Amino acid sequence: MEIGKQIKKYRTELKLSQDDLADKVYVTRQTISNWENDRNYPDIRSLVLLSNVFGISLDILVKGDLEQMKDEIKTEDIRKFQRDSRIYGILLAGQIALPMPLLYYLKVWGIVIWLLWTGVALWWAWRIEKYKKTHDIHTYKEIVAFMEGKRLDELEKNQEIGKRPYQIAMLVALTAVVGLAVVYSLRRVFFHF
């Protein structure tokens, strides 16, 4: 982080010792030393006091740090989205692969286990959808751009928004086909017993 360098730079320009600066912002000399050596970060009240003492705006004092914080937040968001997507992929694969073996070996308890599995998968799907809505990513292209830490330009974004209704219709149709296949399979299994 750059804030430590900024504090030290402006403190030395004003020819203030760490004790002098500490008195002006109501902290200890050790706190100033920790800030300058990037061992910890000043709270918002201290940042405001520092900007007043140095005679600079708050954004100049923390500008480099704000950019770095934005990058760290973006990286963390991407990492969480990737993790949740992997977990949902595993749950979805299990939801597709497990109903017949569970039903065959565990009968009614297999159905109960599969329904619980489905509930967990739906919960993870809801988490991902909520995340996509928060970051305004809906189409495949938007998701890929987000995962690479990029944003689509305005024209590309409008093209993707135009695709959304068609993708929703395709998703509904695919869900109906999968649902019918599962019902048909379950019907055959039940009539087999």
N, C-alpha and C. Protein backbone atom coordinates (compact mmCIF):
# COMPACT_ATOMS: atom_id res chain seq x y z
N MET A 1 0.83 -1.18 0.00
CA MET A 1 0.00 0.00 0.00
C MET A 1 0.88 1.25 0.00
N GLU A 2 0.37 2.32 -0.56
CA GLU A 2 1.14 3.55 -0.71
C GLU A 2 0.94 4.53 0.44
N ILE A 3 -0.05 4.32 1.28
CA ILE A 3 -0.39 5.32 2.29
C ILE A 3 0.77 5.59 3.24
N GLY A 4 1.52 4.56 3.59
CA GLY A 4 2.67 4.74 4.48
C GLY A 4 3.70 5.67 3.88
N LYS A 5 3.99 5.48 2.59
CA LYS A 5 4.95 6.35 1.89
C LYS A 5 4.42 7.78 1.82
N GLN A 6 3.12 7.91 1.58
CA GLN A 6 2.52 9.24 1.49
C GLN A 6 2.62 9.98 2.83
N ILE A 7 2.31 9.28 3.91
CA ILE A 7 2.36 9.91 5.24
C ILE A 7 3.79 10.36 5.54
N LYS A 8 4.75 9.48 5.28
CA LYS A 8 6.15 9.81 5.56
C LYS A 8 6.60 10.99 4.69
N LYS A 9 6.23 10.97 3.43
CA LYS A 9 6.62 12.04 2.50
C LYS A 9 6.10 13.40 2.97
N TYR A 10 4.80 13.47 3.26
CA TYR A 10 4.22 14.76 3.67
C TYR A 10 4.70 15.18 5.05
N ARG A 11 4.95 14.21 5.92
CA ARG A 11 5.46 14.54 7.26
C ARG A 11 6.85 15.16 7.16
N THR A 12 7.72 14.55 6.34
CA THR A 12 9.07 15.09 6.21
C THR A 12 9.08 16.43 5.47
N GLU A 13 8.16 16.61 4.51
CA GLU A 13 8.08 17.90 3.81
C GLU A 13 7.72 19.02 4.79
N LEU A 14 6.87 18.72 5.77
CA LEU A 14 6.48 19.72 6.77
C LEU A 14 7.47 19.78 7.94
N LYS A 15 8.53 18.95 7.85
CA LYS A 15 9.57 18.89 8.89
C LYS A 15 8.97 18.58 10.26
N LEU A 16 8.07 17.60 10.27
CA LEU A 16 7.45 17.16 11.51
C LEU A 16 8.08 15.83 11.93
N SER A 17 8.31 15.68 13.22
CA SER A 17 8.74 14.37 13.71
C SER A 17 7.50 13.48 13.84
N GLN A 18 7.75 12.21 14.06
CA GLN A 18 6.60 11.30 14.26
C GLN A 18 5.82 11.71 15.49
N ASP A 19 6.52 12.17 16.54
CA ASP A 19 5.83 12.63 17.76
C ASP A 19 4.96 13.85 17.47
N ASP A 20 5.49 14.80 16.68
CA ASP A 20 4.72 16.01 16.35
C ASP A 20 3.44 15.65 15.59
N LEU A 21 3.59 14.78 14.59
CA LEU A 21 2.42 14.37 13.81
C LEU A 21 1.43 13.60 14.67
N ALA A 22 1.96 12.76 15.55
CA ALA A 22 1.08 11.99 16.44
C ALA A 22 0.24 12.90 17.31
N ASP A 23 0.84 13.97 17.82
CA ASP A 23 0.09 14.94 18.64
C ASP A 23 -1.01 15.62 17.84
N LYS A 24 -0.75 15.91 16.57
CA LYS A 24 -1.72 16.63 15.74
C LYS A 24 -2.91 15.76 15.33
N VAL A 25 -2.71 14.44 15.26
CA VAL A 25 -3.82 13.57 14.85
C VAL A 25 -4.30 12.68 16.00
N TYR A 26 -3.82 12.98 17.21
CA TYR A 26 -4.31 12.33 18.44
C TYR A 26 -4.08 10.82 18.46
N VAL A 27 -2.86 10.42 18.09
CA VAL A 27 -2.46 9.02 18.19
C VAL A 27 -1.07 8.98 18.81
N THR A 28 -0.54 7.77 18.99
CA THR A 28 0.81 7.64 19.55
C THR A 28 1.86 7.69 18.44
N ARG A 29 3.11 7.92 18.84
CA ARG A 29 4.20 7.91 17.88
C ARG A 29 4.33 6.53 17.24
N GLN A 30 4.11 5.49 18.03
CA GLN A 30 4.18 4.12 17.52
C GLN A 30 3.14 3.89 16.41
N THR A 31 1.98 4.48 16.56
CA THR A 31 0.94 4.35 15.53
C THR A 31 1.41 4.98 14.23
N ILE A 32 2.03 6.16 14.31
CA ILE A 32 2.56 6.81 13.11
C ILE A 32 3.62 5.91 12.47
N SER A 33 4.49 5.36 13.28
CA SER A 33 5.52 4.45 12.77
C SER A 33 4.90 3.24 12.08
N ASN A 34 3.86 2.68 12.68
CA ASN A 34 3.18 1.53 12.07
C ASN A 34 2.55 1.90 10.73
N TRP A 35 1.96 3.09 10.65
CA TRP A 35 1.37 3.54 9.38
C TRP A 35 2.45 3.70 8.31
N GLU A 36 3.55 4.34 8.69
CA GLU A 36 4.61 4.60 7.72
C GLU A 36 5.29 3.32 7.25
N ASN A 37 5.30 2.31 8.09
CA ASN A 37 5.94 1.03 7.73
C ASN A 37 4.92 0.00 7.23
N ASP A 38 3.71 0.47 6.94
CA ASP A 38 2.63 -0.38 6.39
C ASP A 38 2.30 -1.58 7.26
N ARG A 39 2.43 -1.42 8.58
CA ARG A 39 2.02 -2.50 9.49
C ARG A 39 0.53 -2.45 9.78
N ASN A 40 -0.05 -1.27 9.68
CA ASN A 40 -1.51 -1.15 9.75
C ASN A 40 -1.92 0.11 9.01
N TYR A 41 -3.21 0.34 8.95
CA TYR A 41 -3.78 1.38 8.10
C TYR A 41 -4.57 2.35 8.95
N PRO A 42 -4.45 3.65 8.70
CA PRO A 42 -5.22 4.61 9.51
C PRO A 42 -6.73 4.47 9.29
N ASP A 43 -7.50 4.71 10.35
CA ASP A 43 -8.96 4.70 10.19
C ASP A 43 -9.40 5.98 9.50
N ILE A 44 -10.65 6.08 9.18
CA ILE A 44 -11.15 7.22 8.39
C ILE A 44 -10.98 8.55 9.13
N ARG A 45 -11.19 8.55 10.43
CA ARG A 45 -11.02 9.78 11.22
C ARG A 45 -9.56 10.24 11.14
N SER A 46 -8.64 9.32 11.27
CA SER A 46 -7.21 9.66 11.19
C SER A 46 -6.83 10.13 9.80
N LEU A 47 -7.40 9.52 8.77
CA LEU A 47 -7.12 9.95 7.40
C LEU A 47 -7.57 11.39 7.17
N VAL A 48 -8.73 11.73 7.70
CA VAL A 48 -9.24 13.10 7.56
C VAL A 48 -8.32 14.08 8.29
N LEU A 49 -7.91 13.72 9.51
CA LEU A 49 -7.00 14.58 10.26
C LEU A 49 -5.65 14.74 9.54
N LEU A 50 -5.13 13.64 9.01
CA LEU A 50 -3.87 13.70 8.27
C LEU A 50 -3.98 14.61 7.06
N SER A 51 -5.08 14.49 6.31
CA SER A 51 -5.23 15.34 5.13
C SER A 51 -5.32 16.81 5.53
N ASN A 52 -5.94 17.11 6.67
CA ASN A 52 -6.00 18.49 7.15
C ASN A 52 -4.61 19.00 7.57
N VAL A 53 -3.86 18.17 8.28
CA VAL A 53 -2.52 18.57 8.73
C VAL A 53 -1.61 18.80 7.53
N PHE A 54 -1.69 17.92 6.55
CA PHE A 54 -0.82 18.04 5.37
C PHE A 54 -1.32 19.07 4.37
N GLY A 55 -2.56 19.52 4.51
CA GLY A 55 -3.11 20.52 3.61
C GLY A 55 -3.38 19.97 2.21
N ILE A 56 -3.76 18.69 2.15
CA ILE A 56 -4.08 18.06 0.86
C ILE A 56 -5.44 17.39 0.97
N SER A 57 -6.01 17.10 -0.17
CA SER A 57 -7.32 16.42 -0.14
C SER A 57 -7.13 14.96 0.23
N LEU A 58 -8.20 14.39 0.72
CA LEU A 58 -8.18 13.00 1.14
C LEU A 58 -7.88 12.07 -0.03
N ASP A 59 -8.42 12.36 -1.20
CA ASP A 59 -8.19 11.47 -2.34
C ASP A 59 -6.74 11.51 -2.80
N ILE A 60 -6.05 12.65 -2.66
CA ILE A 60 -4.62 12.70 -3.00
C ILE A 60 -3.83 11.86 -2.00
N LEU A 61 -4.21 11.92 -0.75
CA LEU A 61 -3.51 11.15 0.28
C LEU A 61 -3.63 9.65 0.05
N VAL A 62 -4.79 9.19 -0.37
CA VAL A 62 -5.01 7.74 -0.49
C VAL A 62 -5.21 7.26 -1.93
N LYS A 63 -4.94 8.11 -2.92
CA LYS A 63 -5.25 7.77 -4.32
C LYS A 63 -4.66 6.43 -4.74
N GLY A 64 -3.39 6.21 -4.53
CA GLY A 64 -2.78 4.94 -4.93
C GLY A 64 -3.43 3.77 -4.21
N ASP A 65 -3.75 3.95 -2.95
CA ASP A 65 -4.37 2.88 -2.18
C ASP A 65 -5.77 2.57 -2.67
N LEU A 66 -6.52 3.60 -3.10
CA LEU A 66 -7.87 3.35 -3.59
C LEU A 66 -7.84 2.46 -4.82
N GLU A 67 -6.92 2.74 -5.74
CA GLU A 67 -6.80 1.91 -6.94
C GLU A 67 -6.42 0.48 -6.57
N GLN A 68 -5.48 0.34 -5.65
CA GLN A 68 -5.05 -0.99 -5.23
C GLN A 68 -6.20 -1.72 -4.52
N MET A 69 -6.97 -1.00 -3.69
CA MET A 69 -8.10 -1.63 -3.00
C MET A 69 -9.15 -2.08 -4.00
N LYS A 70 -9.42 -1.26 -5.04
CA LYS A 70 -10.38 -1.66 -6.06
C LYS A 70 -9.93 -2.94 -6.75
N ASP A 71 -8.64 -3.02 -7.08
CA ASP A 71 -8.11 -4.23 -7.72
C ASP A 71 -8.24 -5.44 -6.81
N GLU A 72 -7.94 -5.26 -5.50
CA GLU A 72 -8.05 -6.37 -4.56
C GLU A 72 -9.50 -6.82 -4.42
N ILE A 73 -10.43 -5.87 -4.38
CA ILE A 73 -11.85 -6.22 -4.27
C ILE A 73 -12.29 -6.97 -5.53
N LYS A 74 -11.89 -6.47 -6.69
CA LYS A 74 -12.26 -7.12 -7.94
C LYS A 74 -11.70 -8.54 -7.99
N THR A 75 -10.45 -8.71 -7.59
CA THR A 75 -9.83 -10.04 -7.58
C THR A 75 -10.57 -10.97 -6.62
N GLU A 76 -10.94 -10.47 -5.47
CA GLU A 76 -11.68 -11.27 -4.48
C GLU A 76 -13.05 -11.66 -5.02
N ASP A 77 -13.74 -10.72 -5.69
CA ASP A 77 -15.05 -11.02 -6.28
C ASP A 77 -14.94 -12.12 -7.33
N ILE A 78 -13.92 -12.02 -8.17
CA ILE A 78 -13.73 -13.02 -9.22
C ILE A 78 -13.44 -14.38 -8.60
N ARG A 79 -12.59 -14.40 -7.58
CA ARG A 79 -12.23 -15.67 -6.92
C ARG A 79 -13.47 -16.32 -6.29
N LYS A 80 -14.30 -15.52 -5.62
CA LYS A 80 -15.52 -16.06 -5.00
C LYS A 80 -16.49 -16.59 -6.06
N PHE A 81 -16.63 -15.86 -7.16
CA PHE A 81 -17.53 -16.29 -8.22
C PHE A 81 -17.05 -17.60 -8.84
N GLN A 82 -15.74 -17.73 -9.05
CA GLN A 82 -15.19 -18.97 -9.61
C GLN A 82 -15.41 -20.13 -8.65
N ARG A 83 -15.17 -19.91 -7.36
CA ARG A 83 -15.36 -20.96 -6.36
C ARG A 83 -16.82 -21.41 -6.32
N ASP A 84 -17.73 -20.45 -6.26
CA ASP A 84 -19.16 -20.79 -6.21
C ASP A 84 -19.61 -21.50 -7.48
N SER A 85 -19.05 -21.10 -8.61
CA SER A 85 -19.41 -21.75 -9.88
C SER A 85 -18.94 -23.20 -9.91
N ARG A 86 -17.75 -23.45 -9.40
CA ARG A 86 -17.25 -24.84 -9.34
C ARG A 86 -18.13 -25.70 -8.43
N ILE A 87 -18.46 -25.16 -7.27
CA ILE A 87 -19.30 -25.92 -6.33
C ILE A 87 -20.65 -26.22 -6.97
N TYR A 88 -21.24 -25.22 -7.62
CA TYR A 88 -22.54 -25.44 -8.26
C TYR A 88 -22.42 -26.47 -9.39
N GLY A 89 -21.33 -26.43 -10.14
CA GLY A 89 -21.12 -27.42 -11.20
C GLY A 89 -21.10 -28.84 -10.66
N ILE A 90 -20.43 -29.03 -9.53
CA ILE A 90 -20.38 -30.36 -8.90
C ILE A 90 -21.77 -30.76 -8.42
N LEU A 91 -22.48 -29.84 -7.79
CA LEU A 91 -23.83 -30.14 -7.31
C LEU A 91 -24.78 -30.47 -8.46
N LEU A 92 -24.66 -29.73 -9.56
CA LEU A 92 -25.51 -29.99 -10.72
C LEU A 92 -25.21 -31.35 -11.34
N ALA A 93 -23.92 -31.68 -11.45
CA ALA A 93 -23.55 -32.99 -11.99
C ALA A 93 -24.12 -34.11 -11.11
N GLY A 94 -24.03 -33.92 -9.80
CA GLY A 94 -24.60 -34.92 -8.89
C GLY A 94 -26.11 -35.00 -8.99
N GLN A 95 -26.74 -33.85 -9.20
CA GLN A 95 -28.19 -33.83 -9.33
C GLN A 95 -28.63 -34.61 -10.56
N ILE A 96 -27.85 -34.56 -11.61
CA ILE A 96 -28.19 -35.29 -12.84
C ILE A 96 -27.84 -36.76 -12.72
N ALA A 97 -26.69 -37.06 -12.12
CA ALA A 97 -26.19 -38.44 -12.10
C ALA A 97 -26.76 -39.29 -10.97
N LEU A 98 -27.20 -38.71 -9.89
CA LEU A 98 -27.57 -39.48 -8.70
C LEU A 98 -28.99 -40.04 -8.61
N PRO A 99 -29.99 -39.51 -9.28
CA PRO A 99 -31.35 -39.98 -8.98
C PRO A 99 -31.55 -41.48 -9.21
N MET A 100 -31.08 -42.01 -10.31
CA MET A 100 -31.31 -43.43 -10.60
C MET A 100 -30.57 -44.35 -9.63
N PRO A 101 -29.26 -44.15 -9.39
CA PRO A 101 -28.59 -45.02 -8.42
C PRO A 101 -29.20 -44.93 -7.02
N LEU A 102 -29.53 -43.71 -6.59
CA LEU A 102 -30.12 -43.56 -5.26
C LEU A 102 -31.47 -44.27 -5.18
N LEU A 103 -32.28 -44.11 -6.20
CA LEU A 103 -33.59 -44.75 -6.21
C LEU A 103 -33.45 -46.26 -6.26
N TYR A 104 -32.54 -46.76 -7.05
CA TYR A 104 -32.36 -48.20 -7.20
C TYR A 104 -31.87 -48.85 -5.91
N TYR A 105 -30.89 -48.22 -5.25
CA TYR A 105 -30.29 -48.84 -4.07
C TYR A 105 -30.99 -48.46 -2.76
N LEU A 106 -31.53 -47.27 -2.67
CA LEU A 106 -32.10 -46.82 -1.40
C LEU A 106 -33.61 -46.60 -1.44
N LYS A 107 -34.21 -46.83 -2.57
CA LYS A 107 -35.66 -46.68 -2.75
C LYS A 107 -36.14 -45.30 -2.30
N VAL A 108 -37.07 -45.24 -1.36
CA VAL A 108 -37.66 -43.97 -0.93
C VAL A 108 -36.62 -43.06 -0.30
N TRP A 109 -35.70 -43.62 0.49
CA TRP A 109 -34.66 -42.79 1.10
C TRP A 109 -33.76 -42.18 0.03
N GLY A 110 -33.58 -42.85 -1.06
CA GLY A 110 -32.81 -42.29 -2.16
C GLY A 110 -33.46 -41.04 -2.73
N ILE A 111 -34.79 -41.09 -2.84
CA ILE A 111 -35.52 -39.91 -3.33
C ILE A 111 -35.35 -38.75 -2.34
N VAL A 112 -35.43 -39.05 -1.05
CA VAL A 112 -35.27 -38.02 -0.03
C VAL A 112 -33.88 -37.40 -0.13
N ILE A 113 -32.86 -38.24 -0.25
CA ILE A 113 -31.49 -37.74 -0.37
C ILE A 113 -31.34 -36.89 -1.63
N TRP A 114 -31.91 -37.35 -2.74
CA TRP A 114 -31.81 -36.60 -3.98
C TRP A 114 -32.53 -35.25 -3.87
N LEU A 115 -33.68 -35.23 -3.20
CA LEU A 115 -34.40 -33.96 -3.02
C LEU A 115 -33.60 -32.99 -2.16
N LEU A 116 -32.94 -33.52 -1.12
CA LEU A 116 -32.07 -32.65 -0.30
C LEU A 116 -30.90 -32.12 -1.13
N TRP A 117 -30.30 -32.98 -1.92
CA TRP A 117 -29.21 -32.59 -2.81
C TRP A 117 -29.69 -31.49 -3.76
N THR A 118 -30.89 -31.66 -4.30
CA THR A 118 -31.48 -30.68 -5.22
C THR A 118 -31.69 -29.35 -4.52
N GLY A 119 -32.15 -29.40 -3.28
CA GLY A 119 -32.34 -28.17 -2.51
C GLY A 119 -31.03 -27.41 -2.32
N VAL A 120 -29.97 -28.13 -2.00
CA VAL A 120 -28.66 -27.49 -1.85
C VAL A 120 -28.20 -26.90 -3.18
N ALA A 121 -28.39 -27.65 -4.27
CA ALA A 121 -28.00 -27.16 -5.60
C ALA A 121 -28.78 -25.90 -5.96
N LEU A 122 -30.06 -25.88 -5.65
CA LEU A 122 -30.88 -24.69 -5.93
C LEU A 122 -30.42 -23.49 -5.11
N TRP A 123 -30.01 -23.75 -3.88
CA TRP A 123 -29.50 -22.66 -3.04
C TRP A 123 -28.23 -22.07 -3.64
N TRP A 124 -27.31 -22.93 -4.10
CA TRP A 124 -26.08 -22.43 -4.73
C TRP A 124 -26.41 -21.71 -6.03
N ALA A 125 -27.38 -22.20 -6.78
CA ALA A 125 -27.79 -21.51 -8.02
C ALA A 125 -28.32 -20.12 -7.69
N TRP A 126 -29.09 -20.01 -6.62
CA TRP A 126 -29.62 -18.72 -6.19
C TRP A 126 -28.47 -17.78 -5.83
N ARG A 127 -27.45 -18.30 -5.12
CA ARG A 127 -26.29 -17.47 -4.77
C ARG A 127 -25.60 -16.92 -6.01
N ILE A 128 -25.41 -17.77 -7.01
CA ILE A 128 -24.74 -17.35 -8.23
C ILE A 128 -25.59 -16.32 -8.97
N GLU A 129 -26.90 -16.55 -9.04
CA GLU A 129 -27.78 -15.58 -9.71
C GLU A 129 -27.77 -14.23 -9.00
N LYS A 130 -27.76 -14.26 -7.68
CA LYS A 130 -27.70 -13.02 -6.91
C LYS A 130 -26.38 -12.30 -7.20
N TYR A 131 -25.31 -13.04 -7.27
CA TYR A 131 -24.00 -12.48 -7.56
C TYR A 131 -23.97 -11.88 -8.97
N LYS A 132 -24.57 -12.60 -9.93
CA LYS A 132 -24.61 -12.10 -11.30
C LYS A 132 -25.43 -10.82 -11.39
N LYS A 133 -26.51 -10.75 -10.64
CA LYS A 133 -27.35 -9.54 -10.65
C LYS A 133 -26.59 -8.38 -10.02
N THR A 134 -25.87 -8.63 -8.94
CA THR A 134 -25.10 -7.58 -8.28
C THR A 134 -24.07 -6.97 -9.22
N HIS A 135 -23.41 -7.82 -10.02
CA HIS A 135 -22.35 -7.34 -10.91
C HIS A 135 -22.83 -7.15 -12.35
N ASP A 136 -24.14 -7.27 -12.56
CA ASP A 136 -24.75 -7.07 -13.88
C ASP A 136 -24.07 -7.91 -14.96
N ILE A 137 -23.95 -9.20 -14.68
CA ILE A 137 -23.41 -10.14 -15.66
C ILE A 137 -24.44 -11.24 -15.86
N HIS A 138 -24.88 -11.41 -17.10
CA HIS A 138 -25.93 -12.37 -17.36
C HIS A 138 -25.58 -13.33 -18.49
N THR A 139 -24.99 -12.81 -19.56
CA THR A 139 -24.70 -13.67 -20.70
C THR A 139 -23.31 -14.28 -20.56
N TYR A 140 -23.05 -15.28 -21.36
CA TYR A 140 -21.77 -15.97 -21.32
C TYR A 140 -20.61 -15.00 -21.54
N LYS A 141 -20.76 -14.12 -22.51
CA LYS A 141 -19.70 -13.16 -22.84
C LYS A 141 -19.44 -12.22 -21.66
N GLU A 142 -20.49 -11.79 -20.98
CA GLU A 142 -20.33 -10.93 -19.82
C GLU A 142 -19.63 -11.67 -18.68
N ILE A 143 -20.00 -12.93 -18.49
CA ILE A 143 -19.39 -13.72 -17.43
C ILE A 143 -17.91 -13.93 -17.71
N VAL A 144 -17.57 -14.26 -18.95
CA VAL A 144 -16.16 -14.47 -19.31
C VAL A 144 -15.37 -13.18 -19.11
N ALA A 145 -15.92 -12.06 -19.54
CA ALA A 145 -15.23 -10.78 -19.35
C ALA A 145 -15.02 -10.50 -17.87
N PHE A 146 -16.03 -10.76 -17.04
CA PHE A 146 -15.92 -10.54 -15.60
C PHE A 146 -14.83 -11.42 -15.00
N MET A 147 -14.79 -12.69 -15.41
CA MET A 147 -13.81 -13.63 -14.87
C MET A 147 -12.39 -13.22 -15.26
N GLU A 148 -12.24 -12.48 -16.36
CA GLU A 148 -10.92 -12.00 -16.77
C GLU A 148 -10.62 -10.62 -16.19
N GLY A 149 -11.55 -10.09 -15.38
CA GLY A 149 -11.34 -8.80 -14.75
C GLY A 149 -11.59 -7.63 -15.68
N LYS A 150 -12.39 -7.85 -16.72
CA LYS A 150 -12.66 -6.80 -17.70
C LYS A 150 -14.14 -6.43 -17.67
N ARG A 151 -14.47 -5.38 -18.38
CA ARG A 151 -15.86 -4.96 -18.56
C ARG A 151 -16.10 -4.79 -20.06
N LEU A 152 -17.31 -5.07 -20.50
CA LEU A 152 -17.66 -4.86 -21.90
C LEU A 152 -17.90 -3.37 -22.13
N ASP A 153 -17.56 -2.91 -23.35
CA ASP A 153 -17.86 -1.51 -23.66
C ASP A 153 -19.37 -1.37 -23.87
N GLU A 154 -19.84 -0.15 -24.05
CA GLU A 154 -21.28 0.14 -24.10
C GLU A 154 -21.98 -0.59 -25.25
N LEU A 155 -21.37 -0.64 -26.43
CA LEU A 155 -21.97 -1.31 -27.58
C LEU A 155 -22.08 -2.81 -27.34
N GLU A 156 -21.00 -3.42 -26.85
CA GLU A 156 -21.03 -4.85 -26.56
C GLU A 156 -22.05 -5.16 -25.48
N LYS A 157 -22.14 -4.30 -24.47
CA LYS A 157 -23.10 -4.50 -23.38
C LYS A 157 -24.53 -4.48 -23.92
N ASN A 158 -24.84 -3.53 -24.80
CA ASN A 158 -26.19 -3.45 -25.38
C ASN A 158 -26.50 -4.68 -26.24
N GLN A 159 -25.50 -5.19 -26.97
CA GLN A 159 -25.71 -6.40 -27.76
C GLN A 159 -26.03 -7.59 -26.84
N GLU A 160 -25.32 -7.68 -25.73
CA GLU A 160 -25.55 -8.78 -24.80
C GLU A 160 -26.93 -8.65 -24.14
N ILE A 161 -27.34 -7.43 -23.83
CA ILE A 161 -28.67 -7.21 -23.24
C ILE A 161 -29.75 -7.67 -24.22
N GLY A 162 -29.54 -7.45 -25.52
CA GLY A 162 -30.49 -7.89 -26.54
C GLY A 162 -30.59 -9.40 -26.62
N LYS A 163 -29.55 -10.12 -26.25
CA LYS A 163 -29.54 -11.59 -26.30
C LYS A 163 -30.27 -12.23 -25.12
N ARG A 164 -30.40 -11.52 -24.03
CA ARG A 164 -30.92 -12.11 -22.80
C ARG A 164 -32.29 -12.75 -22.94
N PRO A 165 -33.29 -12.13 -23.59
CA PRO A 165 -34.60 -12.78 -23.69
C PRO A 165 -34.53 -14.13 -24.42
N TYR A 166 -33.70 -14.22 -25.46
CA TYR A 166 -33.57 -15.48 -26.19
C TYR A 166 -32.90 -16.54 -25.33
N GLN A 167 -31.92 -16.13 -24.55
CA GLN A 167 -31.24 -17.08 -23.68
C GLN A 167 -32.18 -17.58 -22.60
N ILE A 168 -33.03 -16.72 -22.08
CA ILE A 168 -34.00 -17.14 -21.07
C ILE A 168 -34.97 -18.15 -21.67
N ALA A 169 -35.46 -17.89 -22.89
CA ALA A 169 -36.38 -18.82 -23.55
C ALA A 169 -35.71 -20.18 -23.77
N MET A 170 -34.46 -20.16 -24.19
CA MET A 170 -33.74 -21.42 -24.41
C MET A 170 -33.54 -22.16 -23.09
N LEU A 171 -33.25 -21.44 -22.03
CA LEU A 171 -33.07 -22.06 -20.72
C LEU A 171 -34.36 -22.70 -20.23
N VAL A 172 -35.48 -22.04 -20.43
CA VAL A 172 -36.78 -22.59 -20.03
C VAL A 172 -37.07 -23.87 -20.82
N ALA A 173 -36.82 -23.84 -22.13
CA ALA A 173 -37.07 -25.01 -22.97
C ALA A 173 -36.17 -26.17 -22.55
N LEU A 174 -34.90 -25.89 -22.30
CA LEU A 174 -33.97 -26.94 -21.87
C LEU A 174 -34.37 -27.52 -20.52
N THR A 175 -34.79 -26.67 -19.61
CA THR A 175 -35.25 -27.14 -18.30
C THR A 175 -36.47 -28.03 -18.45
N ALA A 176 -37.39 -27.68 -19.32
CA ALA A 176 -38.58 -28.49 -19.55
C ALA A 176 -38.20 -29.86 -20.11
N VAL A 177 -37.28 -29.89 -21.05
CA VAL A 177 -36.85 -31.17 -21.64
C VAL A 177 -36.19 -32.05 -20.58
N VAL A 178 -35.31 -31.47 -19.79
CA VAL A 178 -34.64 -32.24 -18.73
C VAL A 178 -35.66 -32.73 -17.71
N GLY A 179 -36.60 -31.87 -17.34
CA GLY A 179 -37.64 -32.27 -16.39
C GLY A 179 -38.48 -33.42 -16.91
N LEU A 180 -38.87 -33.35 -18.17
CA LEU A 180 -39.64 -34.44 -18.78
C LEU A 180 -38.83 -35.73 -18.81
N ALA A 181 -37.54 -35.63 -19.10
CA ALA A 181 -36.69 -36.82 -19.14
C ALA A 181 -36.59 -37.45 -17.75
N VAL A 182 -36.46 -36.63 -16.72
CA VAL A 182 -36.38 -37.15 -15.36
C VAL A 182 -37.70 -37.80 -14.97
N VAL A 183 -38.82 -37.16 -15.27
CA VAL A 183 -40.14 -37.73 -14.94
C VAL A 183 -40.35 -39.04 -15.68
N TYR A 184 -40.00 -39.08 -16.95
CA TYR A 184 -40.15 -40.30 -17.73
C TYR A 184 -39.29 -41.42 -17.15
N SER A 185 -38.04 -41.10 -16.76
CA SER A 185 -37.15 -42.11 -16.17
C SER A 185 -37.69 -42.60 -14.83
N LEU A 186 -38.16 -41.68 -14.01
CA LEU A 186 -38.72 -42.08 -12.71
C LEU A 186 -39.97 -42.94 -12.90
N ARG A 187 -40.78 -42.61 -13.88
CA ARG A 187 -41.98 -43.38 -14.15
C ARG A 187 -41.62 -44.80 -14.56
N ARG A 188 -40.62 -44.93 -15.41
CA ARG A 188 -40.19 -46.28 -15.83
C ARG A 188 -39.64 -47.07 -14.66
N VAL A 189 -38.89 -46.38 -13.76
CA VAL A 189 -38.33 -47.09 -12.62
C VAL A 189 -39.43 -47.53 -11.68
N PHE A 190 -40.41 -46.66 -11.41
CA PHE A 190 -41.48 -47.03 -10.50
C PHE A 190 -42.34 -48.18 -11.06
N PHE A 191 -42.57 -48.18 -12.37
CA PHE A 191 -43.35 -49.27 -12.94
C PHE A 191 -42.54 -50.55 -13.04
N HIS A 192 -41.20 -50.41 -12.97
CA HIS A 192 -40.33 -51.58 -13.00
C HIS A 192 -40.40 -52.33 -11.69
N PHE A 193 -40.61 -51.62 -10.58
CA PHE A 193 -40.67 -52.26 -9.26
C PHE A 193 -42.02 -52.84 -9.10
